[in-house]
Amino acid sequence: MDFSAQFDDLQKRVGEAKAAAQTAATESRDQLKQRIDQAQDDLDRAVEETKQQGSQVAGEARSKWAQMKADADARRDDVKAKINQRSRELDAKAAASDAGWAEAEAVDALDYAAWTVSNARLAVLDAIDARVYADDLAGRAAGQ
């Protein structure tokens, strides 16, 4: 398995997300709405690709990741609903409160992403170790 390519892809996605955030900070609400819709479409596509790849993963691991993905899907739907509600709000106090919530959610999402990368690192190292061990045992068995 080519874990390096997957990390390269992840690094590319992080760079794209950072650039999008930097650009979005100077855009109008209409431009932001378009950017959000595009990000939603991209995420939906990624979820579908992940579901297809997930069918190749074994039992228990699949259920753990499936639950994490379901939780992420629910969170995404909640964020999208709040974005839509925000468009209908006229109260400045409520809008300021909502902005604070959105910023806190963004920080939480970044913290979760950092945790996920650390978890991926551990999982990759475990997978490499398991493969090396399996190959070692197979080599010993072949030598006997």
Protein backbone atom coordinates (compact mmCIF):
# COMPACT_ATOMS: atom_id res chain seq x y z
CA MET A 1 0.00 0.00 0.00
CA ASP A 2 1.38 3.44 -0.95
CA PHE A 3 0.86 5.45 2.23
CA SER A 4 3.24 8.18 1.03
CA ALA A 5 0.91 9.01 -1.87
CA GLN A 6 -2.02 9.25 0.50
CA PHE A 7 -0.09 11.61 2.79
CA ASP A 8 0.91 13.68 -0.26
CA ASP A 9 -2.77 13.91 -1.23
CA LEU A 10 -3.69 14.91 2.31
CA GLN A 11 -0.99 17.59 2.33
CA LYS A 12 -2.29 18.93 -0.99
CA ARG A 13 -5.84 19.09 0.40
CA VAL A 14 -4.65 20.96 3.49
CA GLY A 15 -2.84 23.48 1.26
CA GLU A 16 -5.97 23.95 -0.83
CA ALA A 17 -8.11 24.40 2.29
CA LYS A 18 -5.69 26.97 3.68
CA ALA A 19 -5.62 28.91 0.40
CA ALA A 20 -9.42 28.81 0.22
CA ALA A 21 -9.70 30.17 3.77
CA GLN A 22 -7.24 32.96 3.05
CA THR A 23 -9.07 33.95 -0.13
CA ALA A 24 -12.52 33.63 1.47
CA ALA A 25 -11.57 36.12 4.19
CA THR A 26 -11.71 38.89 1.58
CA GLU A 27 -14.82 37.79 -0.34
CA SER A 28 -18.41 39.00 -0.30
CA ARG A 29 -21.22 36.88 1.16
CA ASP A 30 -22.37 35.94 -2.34
CA GLN A 31 -18.87 34.76 -3.21
CA LEU A 32 -18.69 32.89 0.09
CA LYS A 33 -22.02 31.21 -0.64
CA GLN A 34 -20.64 29.97 -3.97
CA ARG A 35 -17.45 28.78 -2.27
CA ILE A 36 -19.48 26.97 0.41
CA ASP A 37 -21.67 25.29 -2.21
CA GLN A 38 -18.57 24.14 -4.11
CA ALA A 39 -16.98 22.85 -0.90
CA GLN A 40 -20.22 20.99 -0.12
CA ASP A 41 -20.22 19.40 -3.59
CA ASP A 42 -16.56 18.41 -3.18
CA LEU A 43 -17.28 16.91 0.23
CA ASP A 44 -20.28 14.97 -1.07
CA ARG A 45 -18.09 13.55 -3.84
CA ALA A 46 -15.38 12.61 -1.35
CA VAL A 47 -17.94 10.90 0.88
CA GLU A 48 -19.15 8.82 -2.05
CA GLU A 49 -15.58 7.86 -2.98
CA THR A 50 -14.88 6.93 0.63
CA LYS A 51 -18.02 4.80 0.78
CA GLN A 52 -16.84 2.92 -2.30
CA GLN A 53 -13.37 2.43 -0.84
CA GLY A 54 -14.86 1.50 2.52
CA SER A 55 -16.38 -1.63 1.06
CA GLN A 56 -12.83 -2.96 0.78
CA VAL A 57 -12.11 -2.51 4.50
CA ALA A 58 -12.63 -5.38 6.94
CA GLY A 59 -15.45 -5.72 9.51
CA GLU A 60 -14.78 -3.97 12.81
CA ALA A 61 -12.53 -1.27 11.39
CA ARG A 62 -15.19 -0.48 8.82
CA SER A 63 -17.86 -0.02 11.47
CA LYS A 64 -15.66 2.34 13.51
CA TRP A 65 -14.81 4.47 10.49
CA ALA A 66 -18.38 4.30 9.24
CA GLN A 67 -19.59 5.71 12.55
CA MET A 68 -16.98 8.49 12.44
CA LYS A 69 -18.04 9.33 8.89
CA ALA A 70 -21.71 9.28 9.86
CA ASP A 71 -20.94 11.67 12.71
CA ALA A 72 -19.04 13.93 10.30
CA ASP A 73 -21.96 13.81 7.86
CA ALA A 74 -24.36 14.82 10.63
CA ARG A 75 -22.09 17.68 11.65
CA ARG A 76 -21.83 18.83 8.03
CA ASP A 77 -25.61 18.82 7.69
CA ASP A 78 -25.91 20.80 10.91
CA VAL A 79 -23.39 23.39 9.69
CA LYS A 80 -25.19 23.70 6.36
CA ALA A 81 -28.52 24.24 8.17
CA LYS A 82 -26.96 26.94 10.32
CA ILE A 83 -25.50 28.65 7.25
CA ASN A 84 -28.96 28.69 5.69
CA GLN A 85 -30.52 29.99 8.89
CA ARG A 86 -27.89 32.70 9.13
CA SER A 87 -29.08 34.08 5.82
CA ARG A 88 -32.53 34.58 7.33
CA GLU A 89 -31.40 36.28 10.55
CA LEU A 90 -31.63 40.03 10.82
CA ASP A 91 -30.70 40.57 14.47
CA ALA A 92 -27.11 41.81 14.84
CA LYS A 93 -26.77 40.26 18.30
CA ALA A 94 -27.90 36.88 17.04
CA ALA A 95 -25.58 37.19 14.05
CA ALA A 96 -22.62 37.99 16.35
CA SER A 97 -23.48 35.00 18.52
CA ASP A 98 -23.73 32.82 15.44
CA ALA A 99 -20.35 34.06 14.21
CA GLY A 100 -18.81 33.11 17.55
CA TRP A 101 -20.38 29.66 17.31
CA ALA A 102 -19.12 29.23 13.74
CA GLU A 103 -15.59 30.25 14.73
CA ALA A 104 -15.63 27.80 17.65
CA GLU A 105 -16.87 25.05 15.34
CA ALA A 106 -14.06 25.83 12.90
CA VAL A 107 -11.48 25.57 15.68
CA ASP A 108 -13.03 22.27 16.80
CA ALA A 109 -12.97 20.97 13.22
CA LEU A 110 -9.29 21.89 12.87
CA ASP A 111 -8.52 20.20 16.21
CA TYR A 112 -10.41 17.12 15.01
CA ALA A 113 -8.47 17.18 11.74
CA ALA A 114 -5.19 17.31 13.67
CA TRP A 115 -6.32 14.39 15.82
CA THR A 116 -7.36 12.49 12.71
CA VAL A 117 -3.94 13.01 11.12
CA SER A 118 -2.26 11.75 14.30
CA ASN A 119 -4.60 8.77 14.33
CA ALA A 120 -3.83 8.12 10.65
CA ARG A 121 -0.11 8.22 11.44
CA LEU A 122 -0.54 5.60 14.15
CA ALA A 123 -2.76 3.45 11.91
CA VAL A 124 -0.24 3.63 9.05
CA LEU A 125 2.65 2.69 11.31
CA ASP A 126 0.58 -0.19 12.71
CA ALA A 127 -0.27 -1.36 9.18
CA ILE A 128 3.38 -1.24 8.11
CA ASP A 129 4.43 -3.12 11.24
CA ALA A 130 1.72 -5.75 10.68
CA ARG A 131 2.86 -6.23 7.05
CA VAL A 132 6.54 -6.50 8.03
CA TYR A 133 5.65 -9.04 10.74
CA ALA A 134 3.45 -11.06 8.35
CA ASP A 135 6.15 -11.08 5.70
CA ASP A 136 8.74 -12.10 8.28
CA LEU A 137 6.60 -15.01 9.44
CA ALA A 138 5.92 -16.05 5.86
CA GLY A 139 9.66 -15.96 5.13
CA ARG A 140 10.39 -18.12 8.17
CA ALA A 141 7.69 -20.59 7.21
CA ALA A 142 9.03 -20.81 3.66
CA GLY A 143 12.53 -21.43 5.01
CA GLN A 144 11.47 -24.40 7.14
